[in-house]
C-alpha atoms as a PDB file:
ATOM      1  CA  MET A   1      36.125 -44.199 -66.073  1.00  0.00           C
ATOM      2  CA  SER A   2      37.087 -43.235 -62.534  1.00  0.00           C
ATOM      3  CA  LYS A   3      38.886 -40.060 -61.557  1.00  0.00           C
ATOM      4  CA  LYS A   4      42.175 -40.443 -59.726  1.00  0.00           C
ATOM      5  CA  TYR A   5      41.651 -39.013 -56.230  1.00  0.00           C
ATOM      6  CA  VAL A   6      44.767 -40.481 -54.617  1.00  0.00           C
ATOM      7  CA  ASN A   7      48.322 -41.296 -55.629  1.00  0.00           C
ATOM      8  CA  ILE A   8      49.344 -44.635 -54.116  1.00  0.00           C
ATOM      9  CA  ASP A   9      52.972 -44.094 -55.190  1.00  0.00           C
ATOM     10  CA  ASN A  10      53.184 -41.169 -52.736  1.00  0.00           C
ATOM     11  CA  SER A  11      51.786 -43.137 -49.796  1.00  0.00           C
ATOM     12  CA  THR A  12      54.963 -44.998 -48.867  1.00  0.00           C
ATOM     13  CA  ARG A  13      56.173 -44.494 -45.306  1.00  0.00           C
ATOM     14  CA  PRO A  14      59.242 -45.786 -43.409  1.00  0.00           C
ATOM     15  CA  ALA A  15      59.924 -49.519 -43.632  1.00  0.00           C
ATOM     16  CA  GLY A  16      57.455 -51.603 -41.694  1.00  0.00           C
ATOM     17  CA  ASP A  17      54.773 -48.899 -41.612  1.00  0.00           C
ATOM     18  CA  ASP A  18      52.255 -49.748 -44.329  1.00  0.00           C
ATOM     19  CA  LYS A  19      49.084 -48.641 -42.498  1.00  0.00           C
ATOM     20  CA  TYR A  20      48.824 -45.365 -44.432  1.00  0.00           C
ATOM     21  CA  LYS A  21      49.418 -47.060 -47.785  1.00  0.00           C
ATOM     22  CA  LYS A  22      46.635 -49.585 -47.051  1.00  0.00           C
ATOM     23  CA  ILE A  23      44.207 -46.741 -46.327  1.00  0.00           C
ATOM     24  CA  ILE A  24      45.161 -44.949 -49.552  1.00  0.00           C
ATOM     25  CA  GLU A  25      44.696 -48.213 -51.469  1.00  0.00           C
ATOM     26  CA  GLN A  26      41.205 -48.595 -49.949  1.00  0.00           C
ATOM     27  CA  ILE A  27      40.318 -45.010 -50.853  1.00  0.00           C
ATOM     28  CA  SER A  28      41.487 -45.717 -54.410  1.00  0.00           C
ATOM     29  CA  LYS A  29      39.194 -48.771 -54.552  1.00  0.00           C
ATOM     30  CA  ASP A  30      36.308 -46.712 -53.124  1.00  0.00           C
ATOM     31  CA  ASP A  31      36.955 -44.174 -55.924  1.00  0.00           C
ATOM     32  CA  VAL A  32      36.185 -41.112 -53.792  1.00  0.00           C
ATOM     33  CA  CYS A  33      38.097 -38.055 -52.687  1.00  0.00           C
ATOM     34  CA  PRO A  34      38.886 -38.473 -48.980  1.00  0.00           C
ATOM     35  CA  PHE A  35      39.210 -34.703 -48.483  1.00  0.00           C
ATOM     36  CA  CYS A  36      35.826 -33.744 -49.917  1.00  0.00           C
ATOM     37  CA  GLU A  37      33.418 -32.806 -47.129  1.00  0.00           C
ATOM     38  CA  GLU A  38      31.058 -35.725 -47.750  1.00  0.00           C
ATOM     39  CA  HIS A  39      33.898 -38.257 -47.277  1.00  0.00           C
ATOM     40  CA  LEU A  40      36.313 -36.527 -44.896  1.00  0.00           C
ATOM     41  CA  LEU A  41      34.984 -37.922 -41.626  1.00  0.00           C
ATOM     42  CA  LYS A  42      34.895 -41.476 -43.001  1.00  0.00           C
ATOM     43  CA  TYR A  43      38.615 -41.498 -43.739  1.00  0.00           C
ATOM     44  CA  HIS A  44      39.959 -38.836 -41.397  1.00  0.00           C
ATOM     45  CA  LYS A  45      39.390 -39.674 -37.735  1.00  0.00           C
ATOM     46  CA  ASN A  46      41.066 -36.639 -36.122  1.00  0.00           C
ATOM     47  CA  PRO A  47      38.679 -33.960 -34.879  1.00  0.00           C
ATOM     48  CA  ILE A  48      37.907 -30.891 -36.944  1.00  0.00           C
ATOM     49  CA  ILE A  49      39.500 -27.989 -35.076  1.00  0.00           C
ATOM     50  CA  LYS A  50      37.942 -25.168 -37.046  1.00  0.00           C
ATOM     51  CA  SER A  51      35.608 -24.951 -40.017  1.00  0.00           C
ATOM     52  CA  GLY A  52      35.228 -21.839 -42.117  1.00  0.00           C
ATOM     53  CA  THR A  53      33.401 -21.017 -45.306  1.00  0.00           C
ATOM     54  CA  PHE A  54      36.243 -22.294 -47.526  1.00  0.00           C
ATOM     55  CA  TRP A  55      38.637 -24.285 -45.323  1.00  0.00           C
ATOM     56  CA  THR A  56      38.592 -27.110 -42.790  1.00  0.00           C
ATOM     57  CA  LEU A  57      41.337 -27.212 -40.166  1.00  0.00           C
ATOM     58  CA  THR A  58      42.431 -30.465 -38.545  1.00  0.00           C
ATOM     59  CA  THR A  59      45.607 -32.247 -37.535  1.00  0.00           C
ATOM     60  CA  ASN A  60      47.250 -34.762 -39.818  1.00  0.00           C
ATOM     61  CA  MET A  61      46.424 -38.372 -38.895  1.00  0.00           C
ATOM     62  CA  TYR A  62      49.896 -39.320 -40.092  1.00  0.00           C
ATOM     63  CA  PRO A  63      52.094 -36.424 -38.941  1.00  0.00           C
ATOM     64  CA  TYR A  64      55.594 -36.140 -40.329  1.00  0.00           C
ATOM     65  CA  LYS A  65      58.234 -37.695 -38.128  1.00  0.00           C
ATOM     66  CA  ASN A  66      59.778 -35.234 -35.651  1.00  0.00           C
ATOM     67  CA  SER A  67      56.939 -32.699 -35.916  1.00  0.00           C
ATOM     68  CA  LYS A  68      55.456 -31.081 -32.834  1.00  0.00           C
ATOM     69  CA  TYR A  69      52.409 -29.843 -34.718  1.00  0.00           C
ATOM     70  CA  HIS A  70      51.208 -30.944 -38.132  1.00  0.00           C
ATOM     71  CA  PHE A  71      48.035 -29.201 -39.237  1.00  0.00           C
ATOM     72  CA  LEU A  72      46.075 -29.809 -42.422  1.00  0.00           C
ATOM     73  CA  ILE A  73      44.069 -26.981 -43.929  1.00  0.00           C
ATOM     74  CA  ILE A  74      41.790 -28.538 -46.525  1.00  0.00           C
ATOM     75  CA  HIS A  75      39.839 -26.559 -49.115  1.00  0.00           C
ATOM     76  CA  LYS A  76      36.153 -27.450 -48.764  1.00  0.00           C
ATOM     77  CA  GLY A  77      35.462 -27.541 -52.478  1.00  0.00           C
ATOM     78  CA  HIS A  78      37.111 -30.180 -54.628  1.00  0.00           C
ATOM     79  CA  ILE A  79      39.742 -28.118 -56.393  1.00  0.00           C
ATOM     80  CA  THR A  80      43.279 -29.088 -57.278  1.00  0.00           C
ATOM     81  CA  THR A  81      45.077 -25.886 -58.311  1.00  0.00           C
ATOM     82  CA  THR A  82      45.761 -22.530 -56.699  1.00  0.00           C
ATOM     83  CA  LYS A  83      44.200 -20.715 -59.664  1.00  0.00           C
ATOM     84  CA  ASP A  84      40.828 -22.028 -58.442  1.00  0.00           C
ATOM     85  CA  ILE A  85      41.122 -20.380 -55.004  1.00  0.00           C
ATOM     86  CA  SER A  86      38.921 -17.314 -54.721  1.00  0.00           C
ATOM     87  CA  LYS A  87      40.130 -14.043 -53.189  1.00  0.00           C
ATOM     88  CA  ASP A  88      37.826 -14.615 -50.228  1.00  0.00           C
ATOM     89  CA  ALA A  89      39.248 -18.117 -49.740  1.00  0.00           C
ATOM     90  CA  TRP A  90      42.811 -16.755 -49.809  1.00  0.00           C
ATOM     91  CA  LEU A  91      41.839 -14.267 -47.110  1.00  0.00           C
ATOM     92  CA  GLU A  92      40.257 -16.986 -44.977  1.00  0.00           C
ATOM     93  CA  LEU A  93      43.386 -19.133 -45.373  1.00  0.00           C
ATOM     94  CA  TYR A  94      45.511 -16.225 -44.156  1.00  0.00           C
ATOM     95  CA  GLU A  95      43.200 -15.766 -41.169  1.00  0.00           C
ATOM     96  CA  THR A  96      43.299 -19.500 -40.408  1.00  0.00           C
ATOM     97  CA  ILE A  97      47.099 -19.577 -40.402  1.00  0.00           C
ATOM     98  CA  ASN A  98      47.206 -16.576 -38.065  1.00  0.00           C
ATOM     99  CA  TRP A  99      44.643 -18.226 -35.786  1.00  0.00           C
ATOM    100  CA  ILE A 100      46.750 -21.413 -35.584  1.00  0.00           C
ATOM    101  CA  GLU A 101      49.920 -19.461 -34.797  1.00  0.00           C
ATOM    102  CA  ASN A 102      48.168 -17.539 -32.019  1.00  0.00           C
ATOM    103  CA  GLU A 103      46.142 -20.425 -30.599  1.00  0.00           C
ATOM    104  CA  TYR A 104      49.106 -22.814 -30.419  1.00  0.00           C
ATOM    105  CA  ASP A 105      51.767 -20.174 -29.699  1.00  0.00           C
ATOM    106  CA  ILE A 106      53.766 -21.160 -32.762  1.00  0.00           C
ATOM    107  CA  SER A 107      56.935 -19.138 -33.167  1.00  0.00           C
ATOM    108  CA  GLY A 108      58.148 -20.883 -36.326  1.00  0.00           C
ATOM    109  CA  GLY A 109      57.411 -23.659 -38.732  1.00  0.00           C
ATOM    110  CA  THR A 110      56.807 -24.382 -42.388  1.00  0.00           C
ATOM    111  CA  PHE A 111      53.696 -23.755 -44.437  1.00  0.00           C
ATOM    112  CA  PHE A 112      53.235 -25.374 -47.826  1.00  0.00           C
ATOM    113  CA  MET A 113      50.410 -26.191 -50.176  1.00  0.00           C
ATOM    114  CA  ARG A 114      49.824 -29.365 -52.175  1.00  0.00           C
ATOM    115  CA  CYS A 115      48.330 -28.357 -55.513  1.00  0.00           C
ATOM    116  CA  GLY A 116      48.251 -29.790 -58.989  1.00  0.00           C
ATOM    117  CA  ASP A 117      49.971 -32.898 -60.318  1.00  0.00           C
ATOM    118  CA  THR A 118      50.712 -35.224 -57.377  1.00  0.00           C
ATOM    119  CA  SER A 119      53.765 -36.635 -59.154  1.00  0.00           C
ATOM    120  CA  LYS A 120      55.292 -33.177 -58.683  1.00  0.00           C
ATOM    121  CA  THR A 121      53.876 -32.293 -55.256  1.00  0.00           C
ATOM    122  CA  GLY A 122      54.467 -35.500 -53.330  1.00  0.00           C
ATOM    123  CA  ALA A 123      50.818 -35.485 -52.231  1.00  0.00           C
ATOM    124  CA  SER A 124      48.908 -38.698 -51.787  1.00  0.00           C
ATOM    125  CA  VAL A 125      45.537 -36.937 -52.098  1.00  0.00           C
ATOM    126  CA  THR A 126      44.542 -35.043 -55.249  1.00  0.00           C
ATOM    127  CA  HIS A 127      42.637 -32.250 -53.516  1.00  0.00           C
ATOM    128  CA  LEU A 128      44.102 -28.847 -52.736  1.00  0.00           C
ATOM    129  CA  HIS A 129      45.302 -28.717 -49.139  1.00  0.00           C
ATOM    130  CA  SER A 130      47.969 -27.058 -47.032  1.00  0.00           C
ATOM    131  CA  HIS A 131      50.267 -28.160 -44.257  1.00  0.00           C
ATOM    132  CA  LEU A 132      51.534 -26.111 -41.339  1.00  0.00           C
ATOM    133  CA  VAL A 133      54.289 -28.085 -39.641  1.00  0.00           C
ATOM    134  CA  THR A 134      56.477 -27.204 -36.681  1.00  0.00           C
ATOM    135  CA  PRO A 135      59.481 -29.247 -35.558  1.00  0.00           C
ATOM    136  CA  ASP A 136      59.759 -30.734 -32.077  1.00  0.00           C
ATOM    137  CA  LYS A 137      63.073 -29.046 -31.294  1.00  0.00           C
ATOM    138  CA  ASP A 138      62.803 -29.856 -27.566  1.00  0.00           C
ATOM    139  CA  LYS A 139      62.543 -33.610 -28.093  1.00  0.00           C
ATOM    140  CA  PRO A 140      65.637 -35.519 -26.973  1.00  0.00           C
ATOM    141  CA  GLY A 141      67.669 -36.624 -29.982  1.00  0.00           C
ATOM    142  CA  TYR A 142      65.957 -34.011 -32.162  1.00  0.00           C
ATOM    143  CA  GLU A 143      66.095 -34.586 -35.913  1.00  0.00           C
ATOM    144  CA  PRO A 144      64.603 -32.288 -38.558  1.00  0.00           C
ATOM    145  CA  VAL A 145      61.230 -32.859 -40.159  1.00  0.00           C
ATOM    146  CA  ILE A 146      61.477 -34.215 -43.699  1.00  0.00           C
ATOM    147  CA  ALA A 147      58.584 -33.743 -46.166  1.00  0.00           C
ATOM    148  CA  ARG A 148      58.264 -35.332 -49.583  1.00  0.00           C
ATOM    149  CA  ILE A 149      57.958 -33.011 -52.556  1.00  0.00           C
ATOM    150  CA  GLY A 150      57.864 -34.588 -55.998  1.00  0.00           C
END
């Protein structure tokens, strides 16, 4: 029996934009975790910005509408809950967030982690990962960034 690596129900995007859902459906058929190191580059085409011992930093291929920056920080090991993050990995995550804020001169944004049951997190991928998102407040007609949770 296959393990559920993605949640198709959480892959819906605005009307008329079904590209992401089709990719998640293909990943489901392939029965692999798209965030595990051995599969990441097949499904995620954005460059890796930084790679540490525990985390991979990249930008989201499907950034949330109205975001200026949308980073993904993906745990390298296939884990799903925060209780599986080692102390050293927590420290590296902290250092990665600080690096992003300094490198991109980020003065504010939102950091959140997708962990556990995807029906509660809103995640489409069942692999522990974090988002660091900043709004594009200078964009004409600015609207806030909306992220799905649950």
